[in-house]
Amino acid sequence: MLIEVSQIPPDGLEVSLPDADLDLGTSTGVWEGPATVRAGLHIGRSGRGLLIHGSFAGAVTVLCGRCLEPFRFQAEDRFDLYCRLVTPSREPEPQELTEDELDVTYLEEGRIDTDALLRENFLLSLPVQPLCHEDCQGLCQRCGANLNQGTCRCGETRTDPRLQILRKLL
């Protein structure tokens, strides 16, 4: 959804986005398919820019970092964003950003793309190593069997013969 900045009243705008599919972009083997996300936003004017306060809740199918089984991950978070309107110049000159400017999102076309905003915040809410459940056993290191579904047929684990001397310490 695109929101024209010129259409935002001085007292702000409340936007409610119902459950909808959100394309998260190209996956690198972390998620499968689109996410289903709903959100609520308040867009208010502040000086030369906009303040966006929002929250979202959604779900996406991700792959467990231990057993590689797909599971449905639920994400819910709040975010605050400051956007500054920029007038496009014919020849953009490279500029060094100050520390205060690093937290600013720049809007060049005079509109807010809620899909891009939600995509960025949803991806930031994904865990680094998603787990299907806390006590996930993962895969056997030798045969690759899913240890959540039972023990593997590899037999007793072999110990490196160079470490046998350490058994005497027990």
N, C-alpha and C. Protein backbone atom coordinates (compact mmCIF):
# COMPACT_ATOMS: atom_id res chain seq x y z
N MET A 1 0.85 -1.17 0.00
CA MET A 1 0.00 0.00 0.00
C MET A 1 0.90 1.24 0.00
N LEU A 2 0.55 2.20 -0.83
CA LEU A 2 1.28 3.46 -0.88
C LEU A 2 0.44 4.56 -0.25
N ILE A 3 1.07 5.35 0.60
CA ILE A 3 0.38 6.47 1.26
C ILE A 3 1.06 7.75 0.80
N GLU A 4 0.29 8.62 0.17
CA GLU A 4 0.81 9.90 -0.28
C GLU A 4 1.00 10.82 0.93
N VAL A 5 2.19 11.37 1.08
CA VAL A 5 2.50 12.24 2.20
C VAL A 5 1.62 13.49 2.16
N SER A 6 1.33 13.98 0.97
CA SER A 6 0.50 15.19 0.83
C SER A 6 -0.93 14.97 1.34
N GLN A 7 -1.37 13.72 1.44
CA GLN A 7 -2.73 13.40 1.89
C GLN A 7 -2.82 13.21 3.41
N ILE A 8 -1.71 13.31 4.10
CA ILE A 8 -1.71 13.11 5.56
C ILE A 8 -2.13 14.41 6.22
N PRO A 9 -3.22 14.40 7.01
CA PRO A 9 -3.69 15.63 7.66
C PRO A 9 -2.71 16.10 8.74
N PRO A 10 -2.78 17.36 9.16
CA PRO A 10 -1.85 17.90 10.17
C PRO A 10 -1.90 17.14 11.50
N ASP A 11 -3.06 16.60 11.86
CA ASP A 11 -3.17 15.88 13.14
C ASP A 11 -2.78 14.40 13.01
N GLY A 12 -2.35 13.97 11.84
CA GLY A 12 -1.87 12.60 11.67
C GLY A 12 -2.88 11.70 11.00
N LEU A 13 -2.47 10.48 10.76
CA LEU A 13 -3.29 9.51 10.05
C LEU A 13 -3.14 8.15 10.72
N GLU A 14 -4.26 7.52 11.00
CA GLU A 14 -4.27 6.15 11.53
C GLU A 14 -4.51 5.20 10.38
N VAL A 15 -3.67 4.18 10.26
CA VAL A 15 -3.79 3.20 9.18
C VAL A 15 -3.84 1.81 9.80
N SER A 16 -4.84 1.05 9.42
CA SER A 16 -4.98 -0.33 9.89
C SER A 16 -4.88 -1.24 8.66
N LEU A 17 -3.92 -2.13 8.69
CA LEU A 17 -3.72 -3.05 7.58
C LEU A 17 -4.15 -4.45 8.02
N PRO A 18 -5.18 -5.03 7.38
CA PRO A 18 -5.65 -6.37 7.78
C PRO A 18 -4.66 -7.45 7.35
N ASP A 19 -4.91 -8.68 7.81
CA ASP A 19 -4.06 -9.81 7.42
C ASP A 19 -3.93 -9.87 5.90
N ALA A 20 -2.69 -9.90 5.45
CA ALA A 20 -2.42 -9.99 4.02
C ALA A 20 -1.06 -10.64 3.83
N ASP A 21 -0.86 -11.22 2.65
CA ASP A 21 0.44 -11.81 2.33
C ASP A 21 1.44 -10.70 2.08
N LEU A 22 2.65 -10.88 2.59
CA LEU A 22 3.73 -9.92 2.43
C LEU A 22 4.93 -10.66 1.85
N ASP A 23 5.36 -10.27 0.67
CA ASP A 23 6.53 -10.88 0.04
C ASP A 23 7.77 -10.41 0.78
N LEU A 24 8.54 -11.33 1.32
CA LEU A 24 9.75 -10.99 2.07
C LEU A 24 10.99 -10.92 1.19
N GLY A 25 10.83 -11.14 -0.07
CA GLY A 25 11.97 -11.10 -0.98
C GLY A 25 12.58 -12.48 -1.14
N THR A 26 13.78 -12.50 -1.68
CA THR A 26 14.47 -13.76 -1.95
C THR A 26 14.99 -14.36 -0.64
N SER A 27 14.61 -15.59 -0.40
CA SER A 27 15.05 -16.29 0.80
C SER A 27 16.38 -16.97 0.53
N THR A 28 17.22 -16.99 1.52
CA THR A 28 18.48 -17.72 1.43
C THR A 28 18.38 -19.03 2.20
N GLY A 29 17.22 -19.66 2.12
CA GLY A 29 17.01 -20.91 2.82
C GLY A 29 16.55 -20.74 4.25
N VAL A 30 16.13 -19.54 4.62
CA VAL A 30 15.68 -19.28 5.99
C VAL A 30 14.16 -19.40 6.10
N TRP A 31 13.42 -18.87 5.13
CA TRP A 31 11.96 -18.93 5.16
C TRP A 31 11.44 -19.48 3.85
N GLU A 32 10.18 -19.87 3.88
CA GLU A 32 9.51 -20.40 2.69
C GLU A 32 8.23 -19.63 2.46
N GLY A 33 8.07 -19.10 1.27
CA GLY A 33 6.84 -18.42 0.88
C GLY A 33 6.69 -17.06 1.53
N PRO A 34 5.52 -16.44 1.30
CA PRO A 34 5.28 -15.11 1.87
C PRO A 34 4.88 -15.20 3.35
N ALA A 35 5.00 -14.10 4.03
CA ALA A 35 4.53 -14.00 5.42
C ALA A 35 3.10 -13.48 5.39
N THR A 36 2.35 -13.79 6.42
CA THR A 36 1.02 -13.23 6.61
C THR A 36 1.14 -12.21 7.73
N VAL A 37 0.84 -10.95 7.44
CA VAL A 37 1.08 -9.87 8.40
C VAL A 37 -0.13 -8.95 8.48
N ARG A 38 -0.41 -8.47 9.70
CA ARG A 38 -1.38 -7.39 9.92
C ARG A 38 -0.66 -6.31 10.72
N ALA A 39 -1.09 -5.07 10.54
CA ALA A 39 -0.36 -3.98 11.19
C ALA A 39 -1.29 -2.81 11.47
N GLY A 40 -0.83 -1.99 12.39
CA GLY A 40 -1.48 -0.72 12.69
C GLY A 40 -0.42 0.36 12.74
N LEU A 41 -0.67 1.47 12.08
CA LEU A 41 0.31 2.56 12.00
C LEU A 41 -0.34 3.88 12.38
N HIS A 42 0.43 4.73 13.03
CA HIS A 42 0.03 6.13 13.22
C HIS A 42 1.13 6.96 12.57
N ILE A 43 0.74 7.75 11.58
CA ILE A 43 1.68 8.60 10.87
C ILE A 43 1.38 10.04 11.26
N GLY A 44 2.35 10.70 11.85
CA GLY A 44 2.17 12.09 12.29
C GLY A 44 3.25 12.98 11.71
N ARG A 45 2.92 14.24 11.60
CA ARG A 45 3.89 15.22 11.08
C ARG A 45 4.77 15.71 12.22
N SER A 46 6.05 15.95 11.90
CA SER A 46 7.00 16.44 12.89
C SER A 46 8.06 17.27 12.17
N GLY A 47 7.96 18.57 12.28
CA GLY A 47 8.94 19.43 11.63
C GLY A 47 8.94 19.22 10.13
N ARG A 48 10.10 18.89 9.58
CA ARG A 48 10.23 18.66 8.14
C ARG A 48 10.01 17.20 7.75
N GLY A 49 9.58 16.40 8.70
CA GLY A 49 9.44 14.98 8.40
C GLY A 49 8.18 14.37 8.98
N LEU A 50 8.20 13.07 9.09
CA LEU A 50 7.08 12.30 9.60
C LEU A 50 7.56 11.35 10.68
N LEU A 51 6.72 11.14 11.68
CA LEU A 51 6.97 10.12 12.70
C LEU A 51 5.97 9.00 12.47
N ILE A 52 6.48 7.79 12.36
CA ILE A 52 5.61 6.63 12.17
C ILE A 52 5.78 5.73 13.37
N HIS A 53 4.68 5.53 14.09
CA HIS A 53 4.64 4.58 15.21
C HIS A 53 3.78 3.42 14.72
N GLY A 54 4.29 2.22 14.87
CA GLY A 54 3.53 1.09 14.37
C GLY A 54 3.77 -0.18 15.14
N SER A 55 2.90 -1.12 14.90
CA SER A 55 3.05 -2.46 15.45
C SER A 55 2.55 -3.45 14.41
N PHE A 56 3.10 -4.64 14.44
CA PHE A 56 2.67 -5.67 13.50
C PHE A 56 2.67 -7.02 14.19
N ALA A 57 1.93 -7.93 13.61
CA ALA A 57 1.91 -9.33 14.04
C ALA A 57 1.76 -10.16 12.79
N GLY A 58 2.49 -11.25 12.74
CA GLY A 58 2.40 -12.09 11.56
C GLY A 58 3.10 -13.41 11.75
N ALA A 59 3.10 -14.19 10.70
CA ALA A 59 3.70 -15.51 10.75
C ALA A 59 4.29 -15.84 9.38
N VAL A 60 5.34 -16.67 9.42
CA VAL A 60 5.98 -17.14 8.20
C VAL A 60 6.54 -18.53 8.48
N THR A 61 6.63 -19.35 7.46
CA THR A 61 7.23 -20.67 7.60
C THR A 61 8.74 -20.52 7.48
N VAL A 62 9.45 -20.93 8.52
CA VAL A 62 10.92 -20.88 8.53
C VAL A 62 11.47 -22.29 8.74
N LEU A 63 12.74 -22.45 8.46
CA LEU A 63 13.40 -23.74 8.66
C LEU A 63 14.15 -23.72 9.98
N CYS A 64 13.98 -24.77 10.77
CA CYS A 64 14.66 -24.88 12.06
C CYS A 64 16.17 -24.92 11.82
N GLY A 65 16.90 -24.20 12.64
CA GLY A 65 18.35 -24.13 12.51
C GLY A 65 19.06 -25.39 12.96
N ARG A 66 18.37 -26.30 13.63
CA ARG A 66 19.00 -27.55 14.10
C ARG A 66 18.57 -28.77 13.29
N CYS A 67 17.25 -28.91 13.06
CA CYS A 67 16.76 -30.13 12.40
C CYS A 67 16.32 -29.90 10.96
N LEU A 68 16.31 -28.65 10.51
CA LEU A 68 15.94 -28.26 9.14
C LEU A 68 14.50 -28.56 8.77
N GLU A 69 13.65 -28.80 9.76
CA GLU A 69 12.22 -29.01 9.51
C GLU A 69 11.52 -27.66 9.44
N PRO A 70 10.57 -27.49 8.51
CA PRO A 70 9.83 -26.23 8.46
C PRO A 70 8.83 -26.13 9.61
N PHE A 71 8.66 -24.92 10.15
CA PHE A 71 7.65 -24.67 11.17
C PHE A 71 7.16 -23.23 11.03
N ARG A 72 6.02 -22.96 11.60
CA ARG A 72 5.40 -21.63 11.50
C ARG A 72 5.93 -20.75 12.63
N PHE A 73 6.62 -19.67 12.29
CA PHE A 73 7.18 -18.73 13.27
C PHE A 73 6.26 -17.53 13.40
N GLN A 74 5.89 -17.22 14.64
CA GLN A 74 5.02 -16.07 14.93
C GLN A 74 5.89 -14.88 15.33
N ALA A 75 5.69 -13.75 14.68
CA ALA A 75 6.45 -12.53 14.99
C ALA A 75 5.48 -11.43 15.39
N GLU A 76 5.88 -10.64 16.38
CA GLU A 76 5.08 -9.52 16.84
C GLU A 76 6.05 -8.48 17.40
N ASP A 77 5.89 -7.23 16.96
CA ASP A 77 6.83 -6.22 17.41
C ASP A 77 6.24 -4.83 17.19
N ARG A 78 6.89 -3.84 17.81
CA ARG A 78 6.55 -2.43 17.65
C ARG A 78 7.75 -1.73 17.04
N PHE A 79 7.51 -0.62 16.35
CA PHE A 79 8.62 0.14 15.77
C PHE A 79 8.26 1.61 15.72
N ASP A 80 9.29 2.43 15.74
CA ASP A 80 9.18 3.88 15.60
C ASP A 80 10.16 4.29 14.52
N LEU A 81 9.72 5.15 13.64
CA LEU A 81 10.54 5.53 12.50
C LEU A 81 10.37 7.01 12.22
N TYR A 82 11.47 7.69 11.96
CA TYR A 82 11.43 9.09 11.56
C TYR A 82 11.77 9.16 10.08
N CYS A 83 10.92 9.77 9.29
CA CYS A 83 11.13 9.91 7.85
C CYS A 83 11.26 11.39 7.51
N ARG A 84 12.21 11.69 6.67
CA ARG A 84 12.41 13.06 6.22
C ARG A 84 12.14 13.11 4.72
N LEU A 85 11.41 14.13 4.31
CA LEU A 85 11.10 14.32 2.90
C LEU A 85 12.30 14.95 2.21
N VAL A 86 12.65 14.43 1.05
CA VAL A 86 13.80 14.92 0.30
C VAL A 86 13.31 15.33 -1.08
N THR A 87 13.74 16.50 -1.52
CA THR A 87 13.43 16.91 -2.89
C THR A 87 14.50 16.33 -3.79
N PRO A 88 14.09 15.56 -4.80
CA PRO A 88 15.08 14.93 -5.67
C PRO A 88 15.86 15.98 -6.45
N SER A 89 17.17 15.84 -6.48
CA SER A 89 18.01 16.74 -7.25
C SER A 89 18.40 16.05 -8.55
N ARG A 90 18.78 16.85 -9.52
CA ARG A 90 19.13 16.28 -10.82
C ARG A 90 20.41 15.47 -10.74
N GLU A 91 21.41 16.00 -10.08
CA GLU A 91 22.66 15.28 -9.92
C GLU A 91 22.95 15.14 -8.43
N PRO A 92 22.64 13.97 -7.86
CA PRO A 92 22.90 13.81 -6.43
C PRO A 92 24.39 13.85 -6.13
N GLU A 93 24.74 14.67 -5.17
CA GLU A 93 26.13 14.76 -4.75
C GLU A 93 26.35 13.87 -3.54
N PRO A 94 27.45 13.12 -3.54
CA PRO A 94 27.72 12.28 -2.37
C PRO A 94 27.92 13.14 -1.12
N GLN A 95 27.26 12.73 -0.05
CA GLN A 95 27.38 13.46 1.21
C GLN A 95 27.65 12.48 2.32
N GLU A 96 28.40 12.92 3.30
CA GLU A 96 28.66 12.10 4.47
C GLU A 96 27.55 12.36 5.48
N LEU A 97 26.95 11.30 5.98
CA LEU A 97 25.87 11.43 6.95
C LEU A 97 26.43 11.60 8.35
N THR A 98 25.76 12.44 9.12
CA THR A 98 26.14 12.59 10.52
C THR A 98 25.52 11.45 11.31
N GLU A 99 25.92 11.31 12.56
CA GLU A 99 25.40 10.23 13.39
C GLU A 99 23.88 10.35 13.58
N ASP A 100 23.37 11.58 13.69
CA ASP A 100 21.93 11.78 13.86
C ASP A 100 21.15 11.39 12.61
N GLU A 101 21.77 11.49 11.45
CA GLU A 101 21.09 11.19 10.19
C GLU A 101 21.03 9.70 9.88
N LEU A 102 21.75 8.88 10.62
CA LEU A 102 21.74 7.44 10.36
C LEU A 102 20.43 6.78 10.77
N ASP A 103 19.69 7.39 11.66
CA ASP A 103 18.41 6.84 12.11
C ASP A 103 17.23 7.39 11.33
N VAL A 104 17.47 8.03 10.22
CA VAL A 104 16.43 8.68 9.44
C VAL A 104 16.20 7.90 8.15
N THR A 105 14.93 7.71 7.79
CA THR A 105 14.57 7.14 6.50
C THR A 105 14.19 8.30 5.60
N TYR A 106 14.70 8.30 4.40
CA TYR A 106 14.45 9.40 3.48
C TYR A 106 13.41 9.00 2.44
N LEU A 107 12.41 9.86 2.24
CA LEU A 107 11.35 9.63 1.27
C LEU A 107 11.56 10.57 0.09
N GLU A 108 11.93 10.02 -1.06
CA GLU A 108 12.21 10.85 -2.22
C GLU A 108 10.98 11.06 -3.10
N GLU A 109 10.08 10.13 -3.11
CA GLU A 109 8.94 10.21 -4.02
C GLU A 109 7.69 10.78 -3.37
N GLY A 110 7.77 11.21 -2.13
CA GLY A 110 6.62 11.80 -1.47
C GLY A 110 5.54 10.82 -1.08
N ARG A 111 5.92 9.55 -0.93
CA ARG A 111 4.95 8.54 -0.49
C ARG A 111 5.63 7.47 0.35
N ILE A 112 4.82 6.85 1.18
CA ILE A 112 5.31 5.81 2.08
C ILE A 112 4.84 4.47 1.53
N ASP A 113 5.76 3.54 1.35
CA ASP A 113 5.44 2.19 0.91
C ASP A 113 5.33 1.33 2.17
N THR A 114 4.09 1.03 2.58
CA THR A 114 3.90 0.26 3.81
C THR A 114 4.43 -1.16 3.68
N ASP A 115 4.41 -1.73 2.47
CA ASP A 115 4.94 -3.08 2.28
C ASP A 115 6.45 -3.11 2.57
N ALA A 116 7.17 -2.13 2.06
CA ALA A 116 8.62 -2.08 2.30
C ALA A 116 8.90 -1.84 3.78
N LEU A 117 8.12 -0.99 4.41
CA LEU A 117 8.27 -0.70 5.84
C LEU A 117 8.04 -1.95 6.68
N LEU A 118 6.97 -2.68 6.40
CA LEU A 118 6.67 -3.91 7.14
C LEU A 118 7.67 -5.01 6.83
N ARG A 119 8.10 -5.11 5.57
CA ARG A 119 9.08 -6.13 5.19
C ARG A 119 10.36 -5.95 6.01
N GLU A 120 10.85 -4.73 6.07
CA GLU A 120 12.09 -4.46 6.80
C GLU A 120 11.95 -4.81 8.28
N ASN A 121 10.86 -4.39 8.90
CA ASN A 121 10.68 -4.66 10.33
C ASN A 121 10.38 -6.12 10.61
N PHE A 122 9.68 -6.81 9.72
CA PHE A 122 9.42 -8.23 9.90
C PHE A 122 10.72 -9.02 9.81
N LEU A 123 11.56 -8.70 8.82
CA LEU A 123 12.83 -9.40 8.68
C LEU A 123 13.74 -9.16 9.88
N LEU A 124 13.69 -7.95 10.44
CA LEU A 124 14.49 -7.66 11.64
C LEU A 124 14.01 -8.46 12.85
N SER A 125 12.75 -8.88 12.86
CA SER A 125 12.22 -9.62 14.00
C SER A 125 12.52 -11.12 13.92
N LEU A 126 13.00 -11.60 12.77
CA LEU A 126 13.31 -13.03 12.65
C LEU A 126 14.54 -13.36 13.49
N PRO A 127 14.53 -14.51 14.16
CA PRO A 127 15.70 -14.89 14.96
C PRO A 127 16.87 -15.29 14.07
N VAL A 128 18.07 -15.15 14.62
CA VAL A 128 19.28 -15.51 13.87
C VAL A 128 19.29 -17.01 13.62
N GLN A 129 18.94 -17.80 14.64
CA GLN A 129 18.85 -19.24 14.49
C GLN A 129 17.47 -19.69 14.97
N PRO A 130 16.51 -19.79 14.05
CA PRO A 130 15.16 -20.21 14.46
C PRO A 130 15.15 -21.66 14.92
N LEU A 131 14.40 -21.91 16.00
CA LEU A 131 14.27 -23.27 16.52
C LEU A 131 12.80 -23.66 16.54
N CYS A 132 12.51 -24.88 16.08
CA CYS A 132 11.12 -25.36 16.08
C CYS A 132 10.59 -25.50 17.50
N HIS A 133 11.44 -25.86 18.44
CA HIS A 133 11.14 -25.86 19.87
C HIS A 133 12.46 -25.86 20.63
N GLU A 134 12.42 -25.40 21.87
CA GLU A 134 13.64 -25.18 22.66
C GLU A 134 14.52 -26.42 22.79
N ASP A 135 13.91 -27.59 22.95
CA ASP A 135 14.70 -28.80 23.16
C ASP A 135 14.87 -29.61 21.87
N CYS A 136 14.94 -28.93 20.73
CA CYS A 136 15.15 -29.60 19.45
C CYS A 136 16.49 -30.34 19.50
N GLN A 137 16.48 -31.61 19.15
CA GLN A 137 17.68 -32.45 19.18
C GLN A 137 18.58 -32.25 17.96
N GLY A 138 18.01 -31.77 16.86
CA GLY A 138 18.81 -31.54 15.66
C GLY A 138 19.02 -32.80 14.86
N LEU A 139 20.08 -32.80 14.07
CA LEU A 139 20.40 -33.92 13.20
C LEU A 139 21.64 -34.66 13.71
N CYS A 140 21.69 -35.97 13.45
CA CYS A 140 22.88 -36.75 13.79
C CYS A 140 24.04 -36.24 12.93
N GLN A 141 25.18 -36.07 13.54
CA GLN A 141 26.34 -35.53 12.83
C GLN A 141 26.90 -36.51 11.80
N ARG A 142 26.63 -37.78 11.99
CA ARG A 142 27.21 -38.77 11.08
C ARG A 142 26.25 -39.19 9.99
N CYS A 143 24.99 -39.51 10.35
CA CYS A 143 24.08 -40.04 9.32
C CYS A 143 23.03 -39.03 8.88
N GLY A 144 22.84 -37.94 9.62
CA GLY A 144 21.89 -36.91 9.23
C GLY A 144 20.45 -37.20 9.64
N ALA A 145 20.23 -38.23 10.47
CA ALA A 145 18.87 -38.55 10.91
C ALA A 145 18.36 -37.47 11.85
N ASN A 146 17.06 -37.19 11.77
CA ASN A 146 16.43 -36.22 12.66
C ASN A 146 16.28 -36.87 14.03
N LEU A 147 17.00 -36.39 15.01
CA LEU A 147 17.00 -36.99 16.35
C LEU A 147 15.71 -36.69 17.12
N ASN A 148 14.87 -35.78 16.64
CA ASN A 148 13.57 -35.52 17.26
C ASN A 148 12.60 -36.67 16.98
N GLN A 149 12.86 -37.43 15.93
CA GLN A 149 11.98 -38.53 15.54
C GLN A 149 12.45 -39.87 16.08
N GLY A 150 13.51 -39.87 16.87
CA GLY A 150 14.03 -41.11 17.45
C GLY A 150 15.55 -41.15 17.32
N THR A 151 16.12 -42.18 17.92
CA THR A 151 17.57 -42.32 17.85
C THR A 151 17.97 -42.82 16.47
N CYS A 152 19.18 -42.51 16.08
CA CYS A 152 19.66 -42.94 14.77
C CYS A 152 20.26 -44.34 14.87
N ARG A 153 20.63 -44.89 13.73
CA ARG A 153 21.17 -46.25 13.69
C ARG A 153 22.69 -46.27 13.57
N CYS A 154 23.31 -45.18 13.93
CA CYS A 154 24.77 -45.10 13.83
C CYS A 154 25.46 -45.93 14.90
N GLY A 155 24.78 -46.23 15.97
CA GLY A 155 25.41 -46.97 17.06
C GLY A 155 26.10 -46.01 18.02
N GLU A 156 27.01 -46.55 18.78
CA GLU A 156 27.72 -45.76 19.78
C GLU A 156 28.60 -44.72 19.09
N THR A 157 28.65 -43.57 19.67
CA THR A 157 29.49 -42.52 19.09
C THR A 157 30.96 -42.86 19.31
N ARG A 158 31.75 -42.60 18.31
CA ARG A 158 33.18 -42.88 18.40
C ARG A 158 33.86 -41.68 19.03
N THR A 159 34.85 -41.98 19.84
CA THR A 159 35.64 -40.93 20.47
C THR A 159 36.98 -40.86 19.75
N ASP A 160 37.45 -39.69 19.55
CA ASP A 160 38.75 -39.49 18.93
C ASP A 160 39.80 -40.16 19.82
N PRO A 161 40.60 -41.07 19.29
CA PRO A 161 41.58 -41.78 20.11
C PRO A 161 42.58 -40.84 20.80
N ARG A 162 42.80 -39.69 20.25
CA ARG A 162 43.73 -38.75 20.87
C ARG A 162 43.16 -38.18 22.17
N LEU A 163 41.83 -38.29 22.35
CA LEU A 163 41.19 -37.75 23.56
C LEU A 163 40.94 -38.82 24.61
N GLN A 164 41.32 -40.09 24.36
CA GLN A 164 41.09 -41.19 25.31
C GLN A 164 41.75 -40.93 26.65
N ILE A 165 42.87 -40.28 26.65
CA ILE A 165 43.59 -39.99 27.89
C ILE A 165 42.75 -39.14 28.85
N LEU A 166 41.86 -38.32 28.29
CA LEU A 166 41.00 -37.46 29.13
C LEU A 166 39.96 -38.26 29.90
N ARG A 167 39.61 -39.47 29.45
CA ARG A 167 38.64 -40.30 30.17
C ARG A 167 39.15 -40.67 31.56
N LYS A 168 40.44 -40.75 31.71
CA LYS A 168 41.03 -41.12 32.99
C LYS A 168 40.80 -40.03 34.04
N LEU A 169 40.55 -38.81 33.59
CA LEU A 169 40.33 -37.72 34.51
C LEU A 169 38.95 -37.77 35.16
N LEU A 170 38.03 -38.51 34.58
CA LEU A 170 36.68 -38.62 35.11
C LEU A 170 36.65 -39.53 36.25
